[in-house]
Amino acid sequence: MDLLTQTTLQAGRSAVELALFVLLPIMVVMLALMRLLEARGALDWVVARLAPLLRPAGLTGLGVFAALQINFVSFAAPVATLTMMESRGASDRHLAATLAMVMAMAQANVTFPMAAMGLAFGPALLLSLVGGLVAAAATYHGFGRSLSSAEGPLDETLQHRVADDAKGVLDVINRAGAEAFKISVGAIPMLVLALVVVMALRASGAIDALTGALTPLLAALDIHPAMVLLTLTKAIAGGTAMMGVMEDMLKNGSASVAMLNANAGFLIHPLDVGGVAVLISAGRRVAAVWKPAALGAALGIAVRMAGHALL
């Protein structure tokens, strides 16, 4: 009982420190910047010019906006955009392509905090975009080609606040700060539970036993043994929990910055149990196309993995 209490307290301390002292400040700055650009019409300008270029990949204007959201806000931000696409008449093929792109890209709520840990943000962002486009195109023209292409009356107007004066700017910043706080605090329960499970598995020797059993295979594939724990955490608890485990590993020397950058394509994306559950909550038709979208996302992630390995 004492061991469980000690493990829980240690995990809770690590989770709170990561959420409030790493995740929160970065999310406040990035969300405020994104919301200000959105309110001043800069994102509308970008989306309007990129949408025609990306249409062959199966992305609409709202799909482009979803890409900006996951790269610069969080993995949950595109949920509202997917809901808008479904309600505004986007075809099933376009929904699948957009969902695949989102699941294949690197989420901002992990990439920005991990940049403070040593992640090379520029290459990570570039490969995220490449992987997302590959996932969208593969889904639209391949895995999802049997889906309906019928579109309703499309309305791709982006609804957002404006910031034409000082009061409007302050209002946008305050709301962005509140949104960042909600994201950061909302991550604490999953972080605590994931870290407790991880620490318990470590203490019981289960992780060491599994790693030892897989050592010959890992050595043959030139994979770092620390990837066993990181992969389990990522698959079960999601990217934010994986980030907490990675931070702990970097501090105790069981992982390195070089390993982080080499495996960023595999570790940083919302194609996990929790991420998929959140994204398909966007709507009935979005949930119905998750299988072809997941296949396309897996291909996009494979492209990202190859890129990070080469870099």
Protein backbone atom coordinates (compact mmCIF):
# COMPACT_ATOMS: atom_id res chain seq x y z
CA MET A 1 0.00 0.00 0.00
CA ASP A 2 2.85 2.36 0.81
CA LEU A 3 4.41 1.60 -2.58
CA LEU A 4 1.13 2.39 -4.38
CA THR A 5 0.73 5.65 -2.47
CA GLN A 6 4.31 6.67 -3.20
CA THR A 7 3.94 5.79 -6.88
CA THR A 8 0.66 7.74 -7.16
CA LEU A 9 2.13 10.83 -5.51
CA GLN A 10 5.22 10.72 -7.70
CA ALA A 11 3.11 10.28 -10.84
CA GLY A 12 0.76 13.08 -9.77
CA ARG A 13 3.66 15.45 -9.18
CA SER A 14 5.18 14.67 -12.57
CA ALA A 15 1.81 15.04 -14.35
CA VAL A 16 1.00 18.39 -12.73
CA GLU A 17 4.49 19.77 -13.45
CA LEU A 18 4.26 18.70 -17.10
CA ALA A 19 0.72 20.05 -17.57
CA LEU A 20 1.13 23.37 -15.76
CA PHE A 21 4.79 24.24 -16.30
CA VAL A 22 5.41 22.87 -19.80
CA LEU A 23 2.13 22.33 -21.63
CA LEU A 24 0.14 25.33 -20.32
CA PRO A 25 2.59 28.19 -21.13
CA ILE A 26 3.23 26.90 -24.64
CA MET A 27 -0.45 26.31 -25.37
CA VAL A 28 -1.39 29.80 -24.09
CA VAL A 29 1.08 31.46 -26.45
CA MET A 30 0.26 29.31 -29.48
CA LEU A 31 -3.51 29.44 -29.01
CA ALA A 32 -3.48 33.20 -28.50
CA LEU A 33 -1.43 33.61 -31.68
CA MET A 34 -3.67 31.28 -33.67
CA ARG A 35 -6.89 32.87 -32.43
CA LEU A 36 -5.58 36.36 -33.20
CA LEU A 37 -4.59 35.34 -36.73
CA GLU A 38 -8.01 33.74 -37.08
CA ALA A 39 -9.81 36.84 -35.80
CA ARG A 40 -7.87 39.17 -38.09
CA GLY A 41 -8.68 37.08 -41.15
CA ALA A 42 -5.14 35.85 -41.80
CA LEU A 43 -6.14 32.19 -41.62
CA ASP A 44 -9.06 32.81 -43.99
CA TRP A 45 -6.54 34.26 -46.46
CA VAL A 46 -4.24 31.24 -46.13
CA VAL A 47 -7.07 28.72 -46.44
CA ALA A 48 -8.52 30.45 -49.52
CA ARG A 49 -5.19 30.21 -51.34
CA LEU A 50 -4.21 26.72 -50.26
CA ALA A 51 -7.59 25.04 -50.81
CA PRO A 52 -7.41 25.00 -54.66
CA LEU A 53 -3.87 23.58 -54.51
CA LEU A 54 -4.82 20.79 -52.12
CA ARG A 55 -8.15 19.89 -53.72
CA PRO A 56 -6.53 17.06 -55.76
CA ALA A 57 -5.50 15.42 -52.45
CA GLY A 58 -9.16 15.30 -51.40
CA LEU A 59 -9.05 18.33 -49.10
CA THR A 60 -11.56 21.17 -49.06
CA GLY A 61 -11.15 24.61 -47.52
CA LEU A 62 -12.32 23.31 -44.14
CA GLY A 63 -9.92 20.38 -44.52
CA VAL A 64 -7.04 22.83 -44.87
CA PHE A 65 -8.26 24.61 -41.73
CA ALA A 66 -8.27 21.26 -39.88
CA ALA A 67 -4.62 20.76 -40.86
CA LEU A 68 -3.72 24.15 -39.40
CA GLN A 69 -5.65 23.34 -36.24
CA ILE A 70 -3.91 20.06 -35.46
CA ASN A 71 -0.46 21.46 -36.24
CA PHE A 72 -0.88 24.67 -34.24
CA VAL A 73 -3.65 24.11 -31.66
CA SER A 74 -4.24 20.50 -30.51
CA PHE A 75 -5.38 17.10 -31.76
CA ALA A 76 -8.93 17.77 -30.50
CA ALA A 77 -9.31 21.11 -32.32
CA PRO A 78 -10.27 19.57 -35.70
CA VAL A 79 -13.27 17.83 -34.12
CA ALA A 80 -15.35 21.00 -34.50
CA THR A 81 -14.20 21.37 -38.11
CA LEU A 82 -15.10 17.76 -38.93
CA THR A 83 -18.53 18.36 -37.41
CA MET A 84 -18.94 21.45 -39.56
CA MET A 85 -17.91 19.53 -42.68
CA GLU A 86 -20.46 16.80 -41.95
CA SER A 87 -23.29 19.23 -41.28
CA ARG A 88 -22.45 21.45 -44.28
CA GLY A 89 -22.65 18.76 -46.94
CA ALA A 90 -19.09 17.44 -47.40
CA SER A 91 -18.99 14.03 -49.13
CA ASP A 92 -17.97 10.87 -47.31
CA ARG A 93 -14.77 10.71 -49.39
CA HIS A 94 -13.78 14.23 -48.34
CA LEU A 95 -14.59 13.44 -44.72
CA ALA A 96 -12.45 10.29 -44.84
CA ALA A 97 -9.55 12.14 -46.48
CA THR A 98 -9.66 14.91 -43.89
CA LEU A 99 -9.91 12.46 -40.99
CA ALA A 100 -6.96 10.47 -42.36
CA MET A 101 -4.89 13.62 -42.67
CA VAL A 102 -5.64 14.65 -39.09
CA MET A 103 -4.82 11.19 -37.70
CA ALA A 104 -1.49 11.14 -39.57
CA MET A 105 -0.24 14.59 -38.55
CA ALA A 106 1.67 15.70 -35.46
CA GLN A 107 -0.55 17.32 -32.83
CA ALA A 108 0.51 20.71 -31.48
CA ASN A 109 -0.22 19.82 -27.85
CA VAL A 110 2.67 17.33 -28.06
CA THR A 111 5.08 18.85 -30.62
CA PHE A 112 5.37 22.28 -28.99
CA PRO A 113 6.12 21.01 -25.45
CA MET A 114 8.49 18.38 -26.85
CA ALA A 115 10.31 21.08 -28.79
CA ALA A 116 11.37 22.32 -25.35
CA MET A 117 12.72 18.80 -24.71
CA GLY A 118 14.85 18.81 -27.86
CA LEU A 119 12.47 17.88 -30.69
CA ALA A 120 13.54 19.51 -33.97
CA PHE A 121 10.32 21.41 -34.58
CA GLY A 122 10.95 22.54 -38.19
CA PRO A 123 11.54 19.05 -39.64
CA ALA A 124 8.73 17.65 -37.49
CA LEU A 125 6.28 20.23 -38.87
CA LEU A 126 7.39 19.72 -42.47
CA LEU A 127 7.12 15.93 -42.27
CA SER A 128 3.76 16.28 -40.51
CA LEU A 129 2.44 18.21 -43.51
CA VAL A 130 3.90 15.70 -45.98
CA GLY A 131 2.49 12.74 -44.05
CA GLY A 132 -0.91 14.39 -43.78
CA LEU A 133 -1.11 15.05 -47.52
CA VAL A 134 -0.04 11.48 -48.33
CA ALA A 135 -2.70 10.14 -45.93
CA ALA A 136 -5.42 12.34 -47.44
CA ALA A 137 -4.54 11.52 -51.04
CA ALA A 138 -4.20 7.77 -50.35
CA THR A 139 -7.59 7.73 -48.64
CA TYR A 140 -9.43 9.86 -51.20
CA HIS A 141 -8.04 8.06 -54.28
CA GLY A 142 -7.38 4.63 -52.77
CA PHE A 143 -8.73 3.32 -49.47
CA GLY A 144 -11.89 5.45 -49.63
CA ARG A 145 -12.59 5.42 -53.36
CA SER A 146 -15.74 3.32 -52.82
CA LEU A 147 -17.23 5.92 -50.48
CA SER A 148 -19.89 8.32 -51.69
CA SER A 149 -18.69 11.43 -53.52
CA ALA A 150 -22.08 13.11 -53.35
CA GLU A 151 -21.93 16.56 -51.81
CA GLY A 152 -24.71 18.67 -50.40
CA PRO A 153 -24.91 22.47 -50.71
CA LEU A 154 -21.42 23.35 -49.43
CA ASP A 155 -20.82 26.23 -47.04
CA GLU A 156 -17.14 26.55 -46.13
CA THR A 157 -17.34 29.91 -44.40
CA LEU A 158 -15.16 29.94 -41.29
CA GLN A 159 -17.10 31.23 -38.30
CA HIS A 160 -14.89 32.97 -35.74
CA ARG A 161 -14.57 36.10 -33.62
CA VAL A 162 -13.14 39.36 -34.93
CA ALA A 163 -10.50 41.59 -33.33
CA ASP A 164 -10.91 45.00 -34.89
CA ASP A 165 -10.12 46.99 -31.74
CA ALA A 166 -8.21 46.68 -28.44
CA LYS A 167 -11.22 45.24 -26.62
CA GLY A 168 -11.69 42.59 -29.30
CA VAL A 169 -8.00 41.64 -29.17
CA LEU A 170 -8.11 41.34 -25.38
CA ASP A 171 -11.26 39.22 -25.56
CA VAL A 172 -9.64 36.85 -28.08
CA ILE A 173 -6.51 36.50 -25.92
CA ASN A 174 -8.53 35.84 -22.77
CA ARG A 175 -10.63 33.21 -24.47
CA ALA A 176 -7.52 31.58 -25.93
CA GLY A 177 -5.96 31.50 -22.46
CA ALA A 178 -9.07 29.87 -21.02
CA GLU A 179 -9.05 27.31 -23.83
CA ALA A 180 -5.37 26.54 -23.22
CA PHE A 181 -6.01 26.14 -19.49
CA LYS A 182 -8.89 23.75 -20.20
CA ILE A 183 -6.70 21.63 -22.52
CA SER A 184 -3.81 21.53 -20.04
CA VAL A 185 -5.88 20.75 -16.95
CA GLY A 186 -7.94 18.23 -18.89
CA ALA A 187 -4.75 16.31 -19.69
CA ILE A 188 -3.85 15.82 -16.00
CA PRO A 189 -6.15 12.84 -15.17
CA MET A 190 -4.93 10.76 -18.13
CA LEU A 191 -1.34 11.77 -17.43
CA VAL A 192 -1.60 10.70 -13.78
CA LEU A 193 -3.25 7.36 -14.59
CA ALA A 194 -0.81 6.60 -17.39
CA LEU A 195 2.23 7.46 -15.27
CA VAL A 196 0.94 5.37 -12.36
CA VAL A 197 0.50 2.37 -14.69
CA VAL A 198 3.92 2.92 -16.23
CA MET A 199 5.66 3.24 -12.86
CA ALA A 200 3.82 0.18 -11.53
CA LEU A 201 4.87 -1.87 -14.57
CA ARG A 202 8.43 -0.72 -14.08
CA ALA A 203 8.41 -1.57 -10.38
CA SER A 204 6.94 -5.03 -11.05
CA GLY A 205 9.62 -5.78 -13.65
CA ALA A 206 7.06 -6.36 -16.41
CA ILE A 207 8.59 -3.74 -18.71
CA ASP A 208 12.11 -5.10 -18.20
CA ALA A 209 10.89 -8.65 -18.88
CA LEU A 210 9.09 -7.63 -22.08
CA THR A 211 12.04 -5.53 -23.24
CA GLY A 212 14.41 -8.40 -22.53
CA ALA A 213 12.26 -10.83 -24.49
CA LEU A 214 12.16 -8.46 -27.45
CA THR A 215 15.84 -7.45 -27.32
CA PRO A 216 17.03 -9.76 -30.16
CA LEU A 217 14.26 -8.52 -32.46
CA LEU A 218 14.82 -4.88 -31.48
CA ALA A 219 18.57 -5.23 -32.05
CA ALA A 220 18.01 -6.78 -35.47
CA LEU A 221 15.71 -3.90 -36.44
CA ASP A 222 18.00 -1.28 -34.84
CA ILE A 223 15.22 -0.10 -32.50
CA HIS A 224 15.99 1.47 -29.13
CA PRO A 225 14.72 -0.70 -26.21
CA ALA A 226 13.02 2.35 -24.66
CA MET A 227 10.54 2.24 -27.55
CA VAL A 228 8.75 -0.69 -25.91
CA LEU A 229 7.49 1.40 -23.00
CA LEU A 230 6.86 4.47 -25.16
CA THR A 231 4.84 2.45 -27.69
CA LEU A 232 2.69 0.82 -25.01
CA THR A 233 2.01 4.19 -23.37
CA LYS A 234 1.24 5.86 -26.70
CA ALA A 235 -1.15 3.14 -27.89
CA ILE A 236 -3.09 2.93 -24.63
CA ALA A 237 -3.00 6.43 -23.14
CA GLY A 238 -2.21 8.71 -26.09
CA GLY A 239 0.38 11.27 -27.08
CA THR A 240 0.25 13.47 -23.99
CA ALA A 241 0.90 10.50 -21.70
CA MET A 242 3.73 9.37 -23.98
CA MET A 243 5.19 12.86 -23.67
CA GLY A 244 5.19 12.54 -19.88
CA VAL A 245 7.01 9.20 -20.05
CA MET A 246 9.50 10.59 -22.57
CA GLU A 247 10.26 13.58 -20.34
CA ASP A 248 10.98 11.22 -17.44
CA MET A 249 13.20 9.05 -19.65
CA LEU A 250 15.16 12.06 -20.89
CA LYS A 251 15.74 13.18 -17.31
CA ASN A 252 16.99 9.78 -16.09
CA GLY A 253 19.06 9.12 -19.21
CA SER A 254 17.17 6.07 -20.47
CA ALA A 255 16.29 7.95 -23.68
CA SER A 256 18.10 10.59 -25.72
CA VAL A 257 17.15 13.60 -27.82
CA ALA A 258 18.50 11.80 -30.88
CA MET A 259 16.16 8.87 -30.21
CA LEU A 260 13.25 11.27 -29.75
CA ASN A 261 13.86 12.92 -33.13
CA ALA A 262 14.46 9.63 -34.95
CA ASN A 263 11.14 8.19 -33.73
CA ALA A 264 8.99 11.33 -33.70
CA GLY A 265 7.04 10.21 -36.76
CA PHE A 266 5.99 7.00 -35.01
CA LEU A 267 5.26 8.54 -31.61
CA ILE A 268 3.59 11.88 -32.35
CA HIS A 269 0.17 11.50 -33.99
CA PRO A 270 -3.42 10.95 -32.76
CA LEU A 271 -3.82 7.47 -34.28
CA ASP A 272 -4.24 5.74 -30.92
CA VAL A 273 -7.19 4.50 -28.86
CA GLY A 274 -7.95 7.82 -27.18
CA GLY A 275 -7.22 9.99 -30.21
CA VAL A 276 -9.45 8.04 -32.58
CA ALA A 277 -12.27 7.97 -29.99
CA VAL A 278 -12.18 11.76 -29.69
CA LEU A 279 -11.98 12.43 -33.43
CA ILE A 280 -14.83 10.12 -34.47
CA SER A 281 -17.06 11.80 -31.90
CA ALA A 282 -17.37 14.60 -34.47
CA GLY A 283 -20.41 12.95 -36.06
CA ARG A 284 -22.12 9.84 -37.35
CA ARG A 285 -20.70 10.03 -40.88
CA VAL A 286 -17.22 10.81 -39.58
CA ALA A 287 -17.35 7.70 -37.37
CA ALA A 288 -18.54 5.61 -40.33
CA VAL A 289 -15.41 6.35 -42.41
CA TRP A 290 -12.78 5.75 -39.73
CA LYS A 291 -11.53 2.44 -41.17
CA PRO A 292 -10.39 3.69 -44.62
CA ALA A 293 -9.17 6.86 -42.90
CA ALA A 294 -7.07 4.82 -40.45
CA LEU A 295 -5.48 2.89 -43.33
CA GLY A 296 -4.59 6.12 -45.10
CA ALA A 297 -3.29 7.59 -41.83
CA ALA A 298 -1.07 4.55 -41.29
CA LEU A 299 0.50 5.12 -44.71
CA GLY A 300 1.04 8.81 -43.92
CA ILE A 301 2.66 7.91 -40.58
CA ALA A 302 4.94 5.43 -42.36
CA VAL A 303 6.11 8.25 -44.65
CA ARG A 304 6.77 10.44 -41.60
CA MET A 305 8.69 7.62 -39.90
CA ALA A 306 10.92 7.20 -42.94
CA GLY A 307 11.55 10.93 -43.10
CA HIS A 308 12.51 11.21 -39.43
CA ALA A 309 14.74 8.13 -39.67
CA LEU A 310 16.59 9.63 -42.63
CA LEU A 311 16.94 13.03 -41.00
